[in-house]
C-alpha atoms as a PDB file:
ATOM      1  CA  MET A   1      23.879 -26.386  13.826  1.00  0.00           C
ATOM      2  CA  ALA A   2      21.097 -28.905  13.099  1.00  0.00           C
ATOM      3  CA  ARG A   3      18.486 -26.518  14.473  1.00  0.00           C
ATOM      4  CA  TRP A   4      19.941 -23.541  12.593  1.00  0.00           C
ATOM      5  CA  CYS A   5      19.868 -25.490   9.304  1.00  0.00           C
ATOM      6  CA  ALA A   6      16.255 -26.507   9.875  1.00  0.00           C
ATOM      7  CA  GLU A   7      15.345 -22.881  10.518  1.00  0.00           C
ATOM      8  CA  GLN A   8      16.657 -22.099   7.025  1.00  0.00           C
ATOM      9  CA  GLY A   9      14.184 -24.663   5.667  1.00  0.00           C
ATOM     10  CA  TRP A  10      16.854 -27.314   5.100  1.00  0.00           C
ATOM     11  CA  PRO A  11      15.827 -30.849   6.187  1.00  0.00           C
ATOM     12  CA  VAL A  12      18.543 -32.430   8.329  1.00  0.00           C
ATOM     13  CA  HIS A  13      19.452 -35.972   9.337  1.00  0.00           C
ATOM     14  CA  PRO A  14      22.131 -37.394  11.660  1.00  0.00           C
ATOM     15  CA  LEU A  15      25.582 -38.474  10.543  1.00  0.00           C
ATOM     16  CA  ALA A  16      27.554 -41.112  12.413  1.00  0.00           C
ATOM     17  CA  PRO A  17      29.893 -39.591  15.032  1.00  0.00           C
ATOM     18  CA  GLY A  18      33.197 -38.622  13.466  1.00  0.00           C
ATOM     19  CA  ARG A  19      32.080 -39.674  10.000  1.00  0.00           C
ATOM     20  CA  LYS A  20      30.442 -38.082   6.971  1.00  0.00           C
ATOM     21  CA  THR A  21      28.060 -40.998   6.415  1.00  0.00           C
ATOM     22  CA  PRO A  22      24.522 -41.336   7.848  1.00  0.00           C
ATOM     23  CA  VAL A  23      23.892 -43.195  11.080  1.00  0.00           C
ATOM     24  CA  SER A  24      23.187 -46.895  10.647  1.00  0.00           C
ATOM     25  CA  ASN A  25      19.671 -48.209  10.170  1.00  0.00           C
ATOM     26  CA  CYS A  26      18.041 -49.924  13.107  1.00  0.00           C
ATOM     27  CA  SER A  27      18.349 -53.719  13.248  1.00  0.00           C
ATOM     28  CA  ALA A  28      14.795 -54.209  11.980  1.00  0.00           C
ATOM     29  CA  CYS A  29      15.445 -52.093   8.879  1.00  0.00           C
ATOM     30  CA  LYS A  30      18.716 -53.911   8.212  1.00  0.00           C
ATOM     31  CA  GLU A  31      16.912 -57.236   8.224  1.00  0.00           C
ATOM     32  CA  ARG A  32      13.839 -56.311   6.193  1.00  0.00           C
ATOM     33  CA  THR A  33      13.650 -55.146   2.587  1.00  0.00           C
ATOM     34  CA  HIS A  34      11.368 -52.131   2.271  1.00  0.00           C
ATOM     35  CA  GLN A  35      11.103 -48.683   0.772  1.00  0.00           C
ATOM     36  CA  PRO A  36      11.957 -45.702   3.019  1.00  0.00           C
ATOM     37  CA  GLY A  37       8.473 -44.329   2.403  1.00  0.00           C
ATOM     38  CA  ASP A  38       6.959 -47.528   3.777  1.00  0.00           C
ATOM     39  CA  CYS A  39       9.157 -47.632   6.875  1.00  0.00           C
ATOM     40  CA  ALA A  40       7.493 -47.291  10.268  1.00  0.00           C
ATOM     41  CA  CYS A  41      10.697 -45.805  11.694  1.00  0.00           C
ATOM     42  CA  LEU A  42      10.346 -42.490   9.898  1.00  0.00           C
ATOM     43  CA  PRO A  43       6.825 -41.605  11.164  1.00  0.00           C
ATOM     44  CA  ALA A  44       7.980 -42.755  14.609  1.00  0.00           C
ATOM     45  CA  GLY A  45      10.881 -40.304  14.509  1.00  0.00           C
ATOM     46  CA  ARG A  46      13.722 -42.808  14.162  1.00  0.00           C
ATOM     47  CA  PRO A  47      16.528 -41.698  11.816  1.00  0.00           C
ATOM     48  CA  CYS A  48      16.743 -44.696   9.508  1.00  0.00           C
ATOM     49  CA  HIS A  49      17.429 -44.605   5.753  1.00  0.00           C
ATOM     50  CA  GLY A  50      19.910 -41.748   5.627  1.00  0.00           C
ATOM     51  CA  PHE A  51      18.712 -38.549   4.004  1.00  0.00           C
ATOM     52  CA  HIS A  52      15.213 -40.001   3.618  1.00  0.00           C
ATOM     53  CA  ALA A  53      14.826 -39.326   7.353  1.00  0.00           C
ATOM     54  CA  ALA A  54      15.723 -35.638   6.976  1.00  0.00           C
ATOM     55  CA  THR A  55      13.318 -33.271   8.699  1.00  0.00           C
ATOM     56  CA  THR A  56      12.802 -29.657   9.726  1.00  0.00           C
ATOM     57  CA  ASN A  57      10.753 -30.681  12.783  1.00  0.00           C
ATOM     58  CA  LEU A  58      12.560 -28.832  15.578  1.00  0.00           C
ATOM     59  CA  ALA A  59      11.158 -30.997  18.369  1.00  0.00           C
ATOM     60  CA  LEU A  60      12.398 -34.135  16.631  1.00  0.00           C
ATOM     61  CA  ILE A  61      15.751 -32.523  15.891  1.00  0.00           C
ATOM     62  CA  ASP A  62      16.162 -31.502  19.540  1.00  0.00           C
ATOM     63  CA  SER A  63      15.327 -35.057  20.576  1.00  0.00           C
ATOM     64  CA  TRP A  64      17.851 -36.614  18.205  1.00  0.00           C
ATOM     65  CA  TRP A  65      20.819 -34.416  19.019  1.00  0.00           C
ATOM     66  CA  SER A  66      20.164 -34.103  22.739  1.00  0.00           C
ATOM     67  CA  ARG A  67      20.299 -37.894  22.890  1.00  0.00           C
ATOM     68  CA  THR A  68      23.497 -38.114  20.815  1.00  0.00           C
ATOM     69  CA  PRO A  69      25.292 -34.749  20.673  1.00  0.00           C
ATOM     70  CA  ALA A  70      28.239 -36.310  18.842  1.00  0.00           C
ATOM     71  CA  TRP A  71      26.154 -36.858  15.714  1.00  0.00           C
ATOM     72  CA  GLY A  72      27.141 -34.777  12.727  1.00  0.00           C
ATOM     73  CA  VAL A  73      24.605 -32.982  10.565  1.00  0.00           C
ATOM     74  CA  GLY A  74      23.649 -33.946   7.037  1.00  0.00           C
ATOM     75  CA  ILE A  75      21.301 -31.914   4.843  1.00  0.00           C
ATOM     76  CA  ALA A  76      19.050 -33.471   2.194  1.00  0.00           C
ATOM     77  CA  CYS A  77      19.863 -31.350  -0.849  1.00  0.00           C
ATOM     78  CA  GLY A  78      16.657 -32.082  -2.746  1.00  0.00           C
ATOM     79  CA  GLY A  79      14.361 -31.113   0.115  1.00  0.00           C
ATOM     80  CA  ALA A  80      16.414 -27.975   0.712  1.00  0.00           C
ATOM     81  CA  ASP A  81      16.525 -27.007  -3.000  1.00  0.00           C
ATOM     82  CA  LEU A  82      20.298 -26.899  -2.730  1.00  0.00           C
ATOM     83  CA  VAL A  83      22.825 -27.421  -5.509  1.00  0.00           C
ATOM     84  CA  VAL A  84      26.306 -27.817  -4.078  1.00  0.00           C
ATOM     85  CA  ILE A  85      29.426 -27.837  -6.231  1.00  0.00           C
ATOM     86  CA  ASP A  86      31.791 -30.368  -4.640  1.00  0.00           C
ATOM     87  CA  VAL A  87      35.402 -29.487  -5.483  1.00  0.00           C
ATOM     88  CA  ASP A  88      37.988 -32.141  -4.654  1.00  0.00           C
ATOM     89  CA  ALA A  89      41.714 -31.719  -4.151  1.00  0.00           C
ATOM     90  CA  HIS A  90      42.678 -35.387  -4.099  1.00  0.00           C
ATOM     91  CA  SER A  91      46.154 -36.437  -5.098  1.00  0.00           C
ATOM     92  CA  ALA A  92      45.560 -38.296  -8.336  1.00  0.00           C
ATOM     93  CA  GLN A  93      46.971 -38.775 -11.795  1.00  0.00           C
ATOM     94  CA  VAL A  94      45.748 -35.962 -14.037  1.00  0.00           C
ATOM     95  CA  PRO A  95      43.847 -37.477 -16.981  1.00  0.00           C
ATOM     96  CA  ASP A  96      44.258 -36.657 -20.626  1.00  0.00           C
ATOM     97  CA  ARG A  97      43.033 -33.149 -21.510  1.00  0.00           C
ATOM     98  CA  GLY A  98      40.090 -34.666 -23.372  1.00  0.00           C
ATOM     99  CA  ARG A  99      38.681 -35.946 -20.056  1.00  0.00           C
ATOM    100  CA  LEU A 100      39.094 -32.812 -17.932  1.00  0.00           C
ATOM    101  CA  LEU A 101      35.867 -31.087 -18.987  1.00  0.00           C
ATOM    102  CA  PRO A 102      33.235 -33.616 -20.160  1.00  0.00           C
ATOM    103  CA  GLY A 103      31.958 -32.680 -23.594  1.00  0.00           C
ATOM    104  CA  ILE A 104      34.395 -29.790 -24.063  1.00  0.00           C
ATOM    105  CA  PRO A 105      37.539 -30.315 -26.172  1.00  0.00           C
ATOM    106  CA  ILE A 106      40.524 -28.380 -24.854  1.00  0.00           C
ATOM    107  CA  HIS A 107      42.765 -27.132 -27.653  1.00  0.00           C
ATOM    108  CA  ASP A 108      46.430 -28.034 -27.513  1.00  0.00           C
ATOM    109  CA  SER A 109      47.271 -24.339 -27.332  1.00  0.00           C
ATOM    110  CA  VAL A 110      45.752 -24.134 -23.818  1.00  0.00           C
ATOM    111  CA  ASN A 111      48.561 -24.398 -21.263  1.00  0.00           C
ATOM    112  CA  LEU A 112      47.572 -26.897 -18.590  1.00  0.00           C
ATOM    113  CA  ARG A 113      50.862 -26.853 -16.733  1.00  0.00           C
ATOM    114  CA  GLY A 114      50.284 -26.907 -12.981  1.00  0.00           C
ATOM    115  CA  LEU A 115      46.737 -28.284 -13.191  1.00  0.00           C
ATOM    116  CA  ALA A 116      46.340 -30.644 -10.247  1.00  0.00           C
ATOM    117  CA  SER A 117      42.846 -30.599  -8.751  1.00  0.00           C
ATOM    118  CA  GLY A 118      39.179 -29.757  -9.100  1.00  0.00           C
ATOM    119  CA  PHE A 119      39.944 -26.144  -8.235  1.00  0.00           C
ATOM    120  CA  ASP A 120      41.927 -25.931 -11.464  1.00  0.00           C
ATOM    121  CA  THR A 121      39.385 -27.641 -13.707  1.00  0.00           C
ATOM    122  CA  LEU A 122      36.524 -25.570 -12.269  1.00  0.00           C
ATOM    123  CA  ALA A 123      38.541 -22.408 -12.888  1.00  0.00           C
ATOM    124  CA  LEU A 124      39.262 -23.611 -16.423  1.00  0.00           C
ATOM    125  CA  LEU A 125      35.576 -24.218 -17.125  1.00  0.00           C
ATOM    126  CA  ALA A 126      34.662 -20.800 -15.723  1.00  0.00           C
ATOM    127  CA  ALA A 127      37.374 -19.096 -17.800  1.00  0.00           C
ATOM    128  CA  LEU A 128      36.136 -20.763 -20.984  1.00  0.00           C
ATOM    129  CA  ARG A 129      32.669 -19.357 -20.219  1.00  0.00           C
ATOM    130  CA  GLY A 130      34.028 -15.917 -19.316  1.00  0.00           C
ATOM    131  CA  GLN A 131      32.962 -16.274 -15.688  1.00  0.00           C
ATOM    132  CA  PRO A 132      34.720 -16.181 -12.303  1.00  0.00           C
ATOM    133  CA  SER A 133      35.315 -19.535 -10.653  1.00  0.00           C
ATOM    134  CA  PRO A 134      32.591 -20.554  -8.164  1.00  0.00           C
ATOM    135  CA  ALA A 135      35.383 -21.488  -5.744  1.00  0.00           C
ATOM    136  CA  GLU A 136      36.154 -17.753  -5.549  1.00  0.00           C
ATOM    137  CA  ASP A 137      32.495 -16.682  -5.228  1.00  0.00           C
ATOM    138  CA  THR A 138      32.435 -14.676  -1.993  1.00  0.00           C
ATOM    139  CA  GLY A 139      28.731 -13.987  -2.436  1.00  0.00           C
ATOM    140  CA  THR A 140      27.653 -17.509  -1.552  1.00  0.00           C
ATOM    141  CA  LEU A 141      28.325 -19.994   1.239  1.00  0.00           C
ATOM    142  CA  ARG A 142      31.577 -21.855   0.707  1.00  0.00           C
ATOM    143  CA  VAL A 143      32.766 -24.585   3.055  1.00  0.00           C
ATOM    144  CA  ARG A 144      36.320 -25.877   3.214  1.00  0.00           C
ATOM    145  CA  THR A 145      36.392 -29.651   3.669  1.00  0.00           C
ATOM    146  CA  PRO A 146      38.865 -31.531   5.895  1.00  0.00           C
ATOM    147  CA  SER A 147      40.549 -33.036   2.820  1.00  0.00           C
ATOM    148  CA  GLY A 148      41.338 -29.590   1.410  1.00  0.00           C
ATOM    149  CA  GLY A 149      38.451 -29.451  -1.042  1.00  0.00           C
ATOM    150  CA  MET A 150      35.504 -27.097  -1.015  1.00  0.00           C
ATOM    151  CA  HIS A 151      31.717 -27.210  -1.107  1.00  0.00           C
ATOM    152  CA  VAL A 152      30.239 -24.231  -2.942  1.00  0.00           C
ATOM    153  CA  TRP A 153      26.583 -23.907  -1.954  1.00  0.00           C
ATOM    154  CA  TYR A 154      23.882 -22.490  -4.219  1.00  0.00           C
ATOM    155  CA  ARG A 155      20.124 -22.315  -4.041  1.00  0.00           C
ATOM    156  CA  ASN A 156      18.127 -23.690  -6.974  1.00  0.00           C
ATOM    157  CA  PRO A 157      16.190 -20.628  -8.181  1.00  0.00           C
ATOM    158  CA  SER A 158      13.925 -22.772 -10.378  1.00  0.00           C
ATOM    159  CA  PRO A 159      12.713 -25.644  -8.148  1.00  0.00           C
ATOM    160  CA  ALA A 160      10.463 -26.969 -10.911  1.00  0.00           C
ATOM    161  CA  ILE A 161      13.662 -28.037 -12.713  1.00  0.00           C
ATOM    162  CA  ARG A 162      15.179 -30.789 -10.602  1.00  0.00           C
ATOM    163  CA  LEU A 163      18.895 -31.447 -10.718  1.00  0.00           C
ATOM    164  CA  ARG A 164      20.588 -34.749  -9.900  1.00  0.00           C
ATOM    165  CA  CYS A 165      23.754 -35.647  -8.035  1.00  0.00           C
ATOM    166  CA  SER A 166      26.753 -36.636 -10.093  1.00  0.00           C
ATOM    167  CA  THR A 167      28.673 -38.264  -7.229  1.00  0.00           C
ATOM    168  CA  GLY A 168      29.459 -41.853  -8.149  1.00  0.00           C
ATOM    169  CA  SER A 169      28.302 -41.465 -11.755  1.00  0.00           C
ATOM    170  CA  SER A 170      30.333 -41.683 -14.917  1.00  0.00           C
ATOM    171  CA  THR A 171      32.909 -38.933 -15.392  1.00  0.00           C
ATOM    172  CA  LYS A 172      30.802 -37.865 -18.374  1.00  0.00           C
ATOM    173  CA  VAL A 173      28.193 -36.543 -15.933  1.00  0.00           C
ATOM    174  CA  ALA A 174      30.602 -34.819 -13.569  1.00  0.00           C
ATOM    175  CA  LEU A 175      30.874 -31.078 -14.082  1.00  0.00           C
ATOM    176  CA  ALA A 176      34.641 -31.407 -14.450  1.00  0.00           C
ATOM    177  CA  TRP A 177      37.467 -33.669 -13.327  1.00  0.00           C
ATOM    178  CA  GLN A 178      37.358 -33.739  -9.497  1.00  0.00           C
ATOM    179  CA  VAL A 179      34.231 -31.553  -9.528  1.00  0.00           C
ATOM    180  CA  ASP A 180      30.933 -33.241  -8.647  1.00  0.00           C
ATOM    181  CA  VAL A 181      27.444 -31.973  -7.849  1.00  0.00           C
ATOM    182  CA  ARG A 182      25.290 -32.655  -4.778  1.00  0.00           C
ATOM    183  CA  ALA A 183      21.589 -32.122  -5.461  1.00  0.00           C
ATOM    184  CA  ASP A 184      18.426 -34.280  -5.587  1.00  0.00           C
ATOM    185  CA  GLY A 185      19.059 -37.808  -4.386  1.00  0.00           C
ATOM    186  CA  GLY A 186      21.922 -36.872  -2.097  1.00  0.00           C
ATOM    187  CA  TYR A 187      23.008 -34.938   0.932  1.00  0.00           C
ATOM    188  CA  ILE A 188      25.741 -32.553   1.999  1.00  0.00           C
ATOM    189  CA  VAL A 189      27.648 -32.294   5.266  1.00  0.00           C
ATOM    190  CA  SER A 190      26.738 -29.121   7.154  1.00  0.00           C
ATOM    191  CA  PRO A 191      29.278 -26.475   8.113  1.00  0.00           C
ATOM    192  CA  THR A 192      30.967 -26.999  11.520  1.00  0.00           C
ATOM    193  CA  THR A 193      30.446 -30.784  11.432  1.00  0.00           C
ATOM    194  CA  CYS A 194      33.540 -32.568  12.781  1.00  0.00           C
ATOM    195  CA  VAL A 195      34.860 -35.834  11.358  1.00  0.00           C
ATOM    196  CA  ALA A 196      37.990 -37.806  12.110  1.00  0.00           C
ATOM    197  CA  GLN A 197      39.941 -35.845   9.487  1.00  0.00           C
ATOM    198  CA  GLY A 198      38.896 -32.392  10.701  1.00  0.00           C
ATOM    199  CA  THR A 199      36.066 -29.854  10.589  1.00  0.00           C
ATOM    200  CA  TYR A 200      33.929 -28.518   7.729  1.00  0.00           C
ATOM    201  CA  ARG A 201      34.658 -24.782   8.030  1.00  0.00           C
ATOM    202  CA  PRO A 202      32.821 -21.885   6.346  1.00  0.00           C
ATOM    203  CA  GLU A 203      35.149 -19.707   4.282  1.00  0.00           C
ATOM    204  CA  GLY A 204      34.624 -16.050   3.482  1.00  0.00           C
ATOM    205  CA  PRO A 205      31.839 -13.712   4.630  1.00  0.00           C
ATOM    206  CA  ALA A 206      28.741 -15.442   3.229  1.00  0.00           C
ATOM    207  CA  ARG A 207      26.764 -17.805   5.433  1.00  0.00           C
ATOM    208  CA  LEU A 208      23.850 -18.537   3.105  1.00  0.00           C
ATOM    209  CA  PRO A 209      23.719 -19.862  -0.467  1.00  0.00           C
ATOM    210  CA  ALA A 210      23.160 -17.456  -3.336  1.00  0.00           C
ATOM    211  CA  PRO A 211      20.973 -18.384  -6.332  1.00  0.00           C
ATOM    212  CA  LEU A 212      22.664 -20.764  -8.768  1.00  0.00           C
ATOM    213  CA  PRO A 213      24.270 -18.646 -11.522  1.00  0.00           C
ATOM    214  CA  GLU A 214      22.629 -19.028 -14.901  1.00  0.00           C
ATOM    215  CA  TRP A 215      25.831 -20.091 -16.621  1.00  0.00           C
ATOM    216  CA  LEU A 216      26.306 -22.889 -14.098  1.00  0.00           C
ATOM    217  CA  ARG A 217      22.712 -24.010 -14.558  1.00  0.00           C
ATOM    218  CA  GLU A 218      23.340 -24.219 -18.307  1.00  0.00           C
ATOM    219  CA  GLU A 219      26.445 -26.321 -17.679  1.00  0.00           C
ATOM    220  CA  LEU A 220      24.455 -28.681 -15.468  1.00  0.00           C
ATOM    221  CA  VAL A 221      21.854 -29.047 -18.207  1.00  0.00           C
ATOM    222  CA  ARG A 222      24.593 -29.687 -20.762  1.00  0.00           C
ATOM    223  CA  THR A 223      26.266 -32.356 -18.631  1.00  0.00           C
ATOM    224  CA  GLY A 224      23.044 -34.298 -18.004  1.00  0.00           C
ATOM    225  CA  HIS A 225      22.212 -33.243 -14.447  1.00  0.00           C
ATOM    226  CA  VAL A 226      18.554 -32.460 -15.169  1.00  0.00           C
ATOM    227  CA  ILE A 227      16.260 -35.179 -13.865  1.00  0.00           C
ATOM    228  CA  GLN A 228      13.996 -36.442 -16.614  1.00  0.00           C
ATOM    229  CA  PRO A 229      10.770 -38.362 -15.975  1.00  0.00           C
ATOM    230  CA  ARG A 230      11.666 -41.993 -15.312  1.00  0.00           C
ATOM    231  CA  PRO A 231      10.938 -44.238 -18.296  1.00  0.00           C
ATOM    232  CA  THR A 232       9.124 -47.514 -17.931  1.00  0.00           C
ATOM    233  CA  PRO A 233      11.816 -49.963 -16.781  1.00  0.00           C
ATOM    234  CA  VAL A 234      12.848 -52.690 -19.197  1.00  0.00           C
ATOM    235  CA  PRO A 235      11.884 -55.972 -17.513  1.00  0.00           C
ATOM    236  CA  GLY A 236      14.895 -58.114 -16.794  1.00  0.00           C
ATOM    237  CA  PRO A 237      15.109 -61.866 -17.344  1.00  0.00           C
ATOM    238  CA  ALA A 238      15.201 -64.415 -14.566  1.00  0.00           C
ATOM    239  CA  ALA A 239      18.028 -63.826 -12.128  1.00  0.00           C
ATOM    240  CA  VAL A 240      21.394 -65.041 -13.330  1.00  0.00           C
ATOM    241  CA  PRO A 241      22.781 -67.755 -11.029  1.00  0.00           C
ATOM    242  CA  ARG A 242      25.446 -66.417  -8.702  1.00  0.00           C
ATOM    243  CA  GLY A 243      28.909 -67.185  -9.878  1.00  0.00           C
ATOM    244  CA  ALA A 244      27.873 -67.323 -13.533  1.00  0.00           C
ATOM    245  CA  SER A 245      30.381 -65.717 -15.878  1.00  0.00           C
ATOM    246  CA  VAL A 246      29.563 -62.816 -18.144  1.00  0.00           C
ATOM    247  CA  GLY A 247      29.088 -63.970 -21.730  1.00  0.00           C
ATOM    248  CA  ILE A 248      31.539 -62.427 -24.210  1.00  0.00           C
ATOM    249  CA  GLY A 249      30.757 -62.076 -27.864  1.00  0.00           C
ATOM    250  CA  ARG A 250      28.039 -60.653 -30.060  1.00  0.00           C
ATOM    251  CA  GLY A 251      25.296 -63.020 -28.983  1.00  0.00           C
ATOM    252  CA  ALA A 252      21.755 -61.755 -28.528  1.00  0.00           C
ATOM    253  CA  ARG A 253      22.300 -61.094 -24.826  1.00  0.00           C
ATOM    254  CA  GLY A 254      26.098 -61.067 -24.464  1.00  0.00           C
ATOM    255  CA  LEU A 255      28.566 -58.251 -24.073  1.00  0.00           C
ATOM    256  CA  THR A 256      31.004 -57.402 -26.807  1.00  0.00           C
ATOM    257  CA  ALA A 257      34.623 -57.961 -25.817  1.00  0.00           C
ATOM    258  CA  ASP A 258      35.159 -54.204 -25.382  1.00  0.00           C
ATOM    259  CA  GLY A 259      31.979 -53.914 -23.362  1.00  0.00           C
ATOM    260  CA  HIS A 260      33.088 -56.760 -21.103  1.00  0.00           C
ATOM    261  CA  ARG A 261      36.424 -55.034 -20.501  1.00  0.00           C
ATOM    262  CA  VAL A 262      34.679 -51.852 -19.367  1.00  0.00           C
ATOM    263  CA  LEU A 263      31.795 -53.303 -17.360  1.00  0.00           C
ATOM    264  CA  GLU A 264      33.316 -56.348 -15.657  1.00  0.00           C
ATOM    265  CA  PRO A 265      35.465 -54.443 -13.088  1.00  0.00           C
ATOM    266  CA  LEU A 266      32.510 -52.212 -12.181  1.00  0.00           C
ATOM    267  CA  LEU A 267      30.290 -55.234 -11.534  1.00  0.00           C
ATOM    268  CA  ALA A 268      33.074 -56.774  -9.467  1.00  0.00           C
ATOM    269  CA  ASP A 269      33.289 -53.588  -7.361  1.00  0.00           C
ATOM    270  CA  VAL A 270      29.551 -53.808  -6.664  1.00  0.00           C
ATOM    271  CA  ALA A 271      29.630 -57.492  -5.729  1.00  0.00           C
ATOM    272  CA  ALA A 272      32.683 -56.945  -3.503  1.00  0.00           C
ATOM    273  CA  CYS A 273      30.583 -54.715  -1.246  1.00  0.00           C
ATOM    274  CA  ALA A 274      29.172 -57.936   0.204  1.00  0.00           C
ATOM    275  CA  GLY A 275      32.213 -58.085   2.445  1.00  0.00           C
ATOM    276  CA  THR A 276      31.552 -54.596   3.863  1.00  0.00           C
ATOM    277  CA  PRO A 277      28.027 -54.198   5.305  1.00  0.00           C
ATOM    278  CA  GLU A 278      28.403 -50.402   5.698  1.00  0.00           C
ATOM    279  CA  GLY A 279      30.642 -47.661   4.374  1.00  0.00           C
ATOM    280  CA  ALA A 280      31.512 -49.418   1.098  1.00  0.00           C
ATOM    281  CA  ALA A 281      29.956 -46.718  -1.154  1.00  0.00           C
ATOM    282  CA  PHE A 282      27.628 -49.419  -2.514  1.00  0.00           C
ATOM    283  CA  THR A 283      25.073 -46.961  -3.929  1.00  0.00           C
ATOM    284  CA  GLU A 284      27.716 -44.961  -5.772  1.00  0.00           C
ATOM    285  CA  LYS A 285      29.341 -48.101  -7.192  1.00  0.00           C
ATOM    286  CA  LEU A 286      26.025 -49.567  -8.340  1.00  0.00           C
ATOM    287  CA  ASN A 287      24.980 -46.243  -9.849  1.00  0.00           C
ATOM    288  CA  LYS A 288      28.281 -46.003 -11.733  1.00  0.00           C
ATOM    289  CA  ALA A 289      27.956 -49.564 -13.044  1.00  0.00           C
ATOM    290  CA  ALA A 290      24.339 -48.985 -14.111  1.00  0.00           C
ATOM    291  CA  TYR A 291      25.184 -45.696 -15.820  1.00  0.00           C
ATOM    292  CA  THR A 292      28.007 -47.377 -17.726  1.00  0.00           C
ATOM    293  CA  ALA A 293      25.814 -50.345 -18.663  1.00  0.00           C
ATOM    294  CA  GLY A 294      23.155 -47.958 -19.961  1.00  0.00           C
ATOM    295  CA  GLY A 295      25.720 -46.237 -22.148  1.00  0.00           C
ATOM    296  CA  LEU A 296      27.029 -49.573 -23.415  1.00  0.00           C
ATOM    297  CA  ALA A 297      23.511 -50.755 -24.240  1.00  0.00           C
ATOM    298  CA  ALA A 298      22.711 -47.517 -26.074  1.00  0.00           C
ATOM    299  CA  ALA A 299      25.878 -47.934 -28.158  1.00  0.00           C
ATOM    300  CA  GLY A 300      25.086 -51.558 -29.059  1.00  0.00           C
ATOM    301  CA  HIS A 301      27.631 -53.261 -26.813  1.00  0.00           C
ATOM    302  CA  LEU A 302      25.058 -54.947 -24.571  1.00  0.00           C
ATOM    303  CA  ASP A 303      21.415 -55.988 -24.702  1.00  0.00           C
ATOM    304  CA  ALA A 304      19.351 -53.813 -22.314  1.00  0.00           C
ATOM    305  CA  ALA A 305      17.668 -56.755 -20.609  1.00  0.00           C
ATOM    306  CA  ALA A 306      21.031 -58.472 -20.138  1.00  0.00           C
ATOM    307  CA  ALA A 307      22.385 -55.269 -18.585  1.00  0.00           C
ATOM    308  CA  HIS A 308      19.550 -55.280 -16.076  1.00  0.00           C
ATOM    309  CA  ALA A 309      20.206 -58.928 -15.199  1.00  0.00           C
ATOM    310  CA  LEU A 310      23.954 -58.486 -14.728  1.00  0.00           C
ATOM    311  CA  LEU A 311      23.473 -55.460 -12.511  1.00  0.00           C
ATOM    312  CA  SER A 312      20.778 -57.168 -10.474  1.00  0.00           C
ATOM    313  CA  GLU A 313      22.991 -60.178  -9.889  1.00  0.00           C
ATOM    314  CA  ALA A 314      25.885 -58.064  -8.635  1.00  0.00           C
ATOM    315  CA  ALA A 315      23.582 -55.938  -6.453  1.00  0.00           C
ATOM    316  CA  GLU A 316      21.827 -58.941  -4.940  1.00  0.00           C
ATOM    317  CA  THR A 317      25.183 -60.517  -4.156  1.00  0.00           C
ATOM    318  CA  ALA A 318      26.185 -57.453  -2.164  1.00  0.00           C
ATOM    319  CA  ARG A 319      22.856 -56.296  -0.681  1.00  0.00           C
ATOM    320  CA  PRO A 320      20.287 -59.136  -0.937  1.00  0.00           C
ATOM    321  CA  ARG A 321      17.887 -57.594   1.582  1.00  0.00           C
ATOM    322  CA  GLN A 322      17.149 -54.410  -0.348  1.00  0.00           C
ATOM    323  CA  SER A 323      16.014 -55.665  -3.737  1.00  0.00           C
ATOM    324  CA  ALA A 324      13.529 -52.845  -4.333  1.00  0.00           C
ATOM    325  CA  ARG A 325      16.131 -50.182  -3.609  1.00  0.00           C
ATOM    326  CA  ASN A 326      18.682 -51.966  -5.789  1.00  0.00           C
ATOM    327  CA  ALA A 327      16.187 -52.024  -8.661  1.00  0.00           C
ATOM    328  CA  ARG A 328      15.511 -48.296  -8.303  1.00  0.00           C
ATOM    329  CA  ILE A 329      19.216 -47.437  -8.423  1.00  0.00           C
ATOM    330  CA  ILE A 330      19.687 -49.685 -11.442  1.00  0.00           C
ATOM    331  CA  ASP A 331      16.692 -48.254 -13.325  1.00  0.00           C
ATOM    332  CA  ASP A 332      17.827 -44.662 -12.708  1.00  0.00           C
ATOM    333  CA  GLY A 333      21.415 -45.402 -13.705  1.00  0.00           C
ATOM    334  CA  LEU A 334      20.431 -47.270 -16.869  1.00  0.00           C
ATOM    335  CA  ALA A 335      18.074 -44.467 -17.914  1.00  0.00           C
ATOM    336  CA  ALA A 336      20.739 -41.803 -17.379  1.00  0.00           C
ATOM    337  CA  GLY A 337      23.387 -43.835 -19.197  1.00  0.00           C
ATOM    338  CA  ALA A 338      21.076 -44.585 -22.116  1.00  0.00           C
ATOM    339  CA  ALA A 339      20.938 -40.861 -22.882  1.00  0.00           C
ATOM    340  CA  ARG A 340      24.719 -40.883 -23.434  1.00  0.00           C
ATOM    341  CA  PRO A 341      25.833 -43.836 -25.615  1.00  0.00           C
ATOM    342  CA  LEU A 342      29.280 -45.042 -24.627  1.00  0.00           C
ATOM    343  CA  ARG A 343      31.299 -45.218 -27.836  1.00  0.00           C
ATOM    344  CA  LEU A 344      34.305 -47.467 -27.389  1.00  0.00           C
ATOM    345  CA  LYS A 345      37.405 -47.446 -29.481  1.00  0.00           C
ATOM    346  CA  GLY A 346      37.050 -49.594 -32.537  1.00  0.00           C
ATOM    347  CA  ARG A 347      33.253 -49.400 -32.737  1.00  0.00           C
ATOM    348  CA  SER A 348      31.222 -46.662 -34.407  1.00  0.00           C
END
């Protein structure tokens, strides 16, 4: 499957056997802070740094998978110009109707009885736009996931317009409740890859992605998935000593009480990754915290420089050997969140 994907022009990288996460970095990369682009492993053909190692080089691909046939196959969405709609079917409490479709109020007259998963919210979004649900789109590649969800694959017909992942971001950037997007800055598990829970199986007749429908592209623009040029980062203050508490109140650099309530558990989730060297979803948790902090700062609940310092402290606690990467995740998350001020109850 790795070779077939590469022949479609999709850069591939190995996934750990039986898992949907990339293979671990080599010991040297684990011990040294550096950018993937500066890593000697990648030019040498070693699959470090997850999707950054993705390639279409068939000789290298043959070498990787002949050495470890049990590796799964990941595809770097950005390099492949793929936009994949990730529909979940997790058992979870259904949120209030105002949180089902970010940015779209659902009138009380709309009957939501029976709504239980991302399949339902995606169908609801499509119905409101007068379109068929992508989950029923037999003209494009659809892959059933082991958890009962679905990946709906599309090709970005306008590569000059880059689209971001929403996985791990605020629910305000998700396409719908339990519906995320895999695009630039992420990867997708290839069809036929086996994990402990089961196999990613193609569904329906299509085996290649169709162009992204225009109405879906407009929804991705509306929900903030377009990648904007990165602004100049706001320089943060000196690192906050580990163990320092977050200041509450309306001081020049402190959080408001409401802001503290929202941000504190997210920072704690990031810092807690220190106890799990791999597989803790650190990037997603840091991205979510940074996005939220950016929204809080834009709404006046937190000074921007203080946000940067708090995030950096939590990130350095969890992953002290990748400061440059931590800073990049924080800068991107803050910039995305700043475009969507987070208005909290009780504050205009």
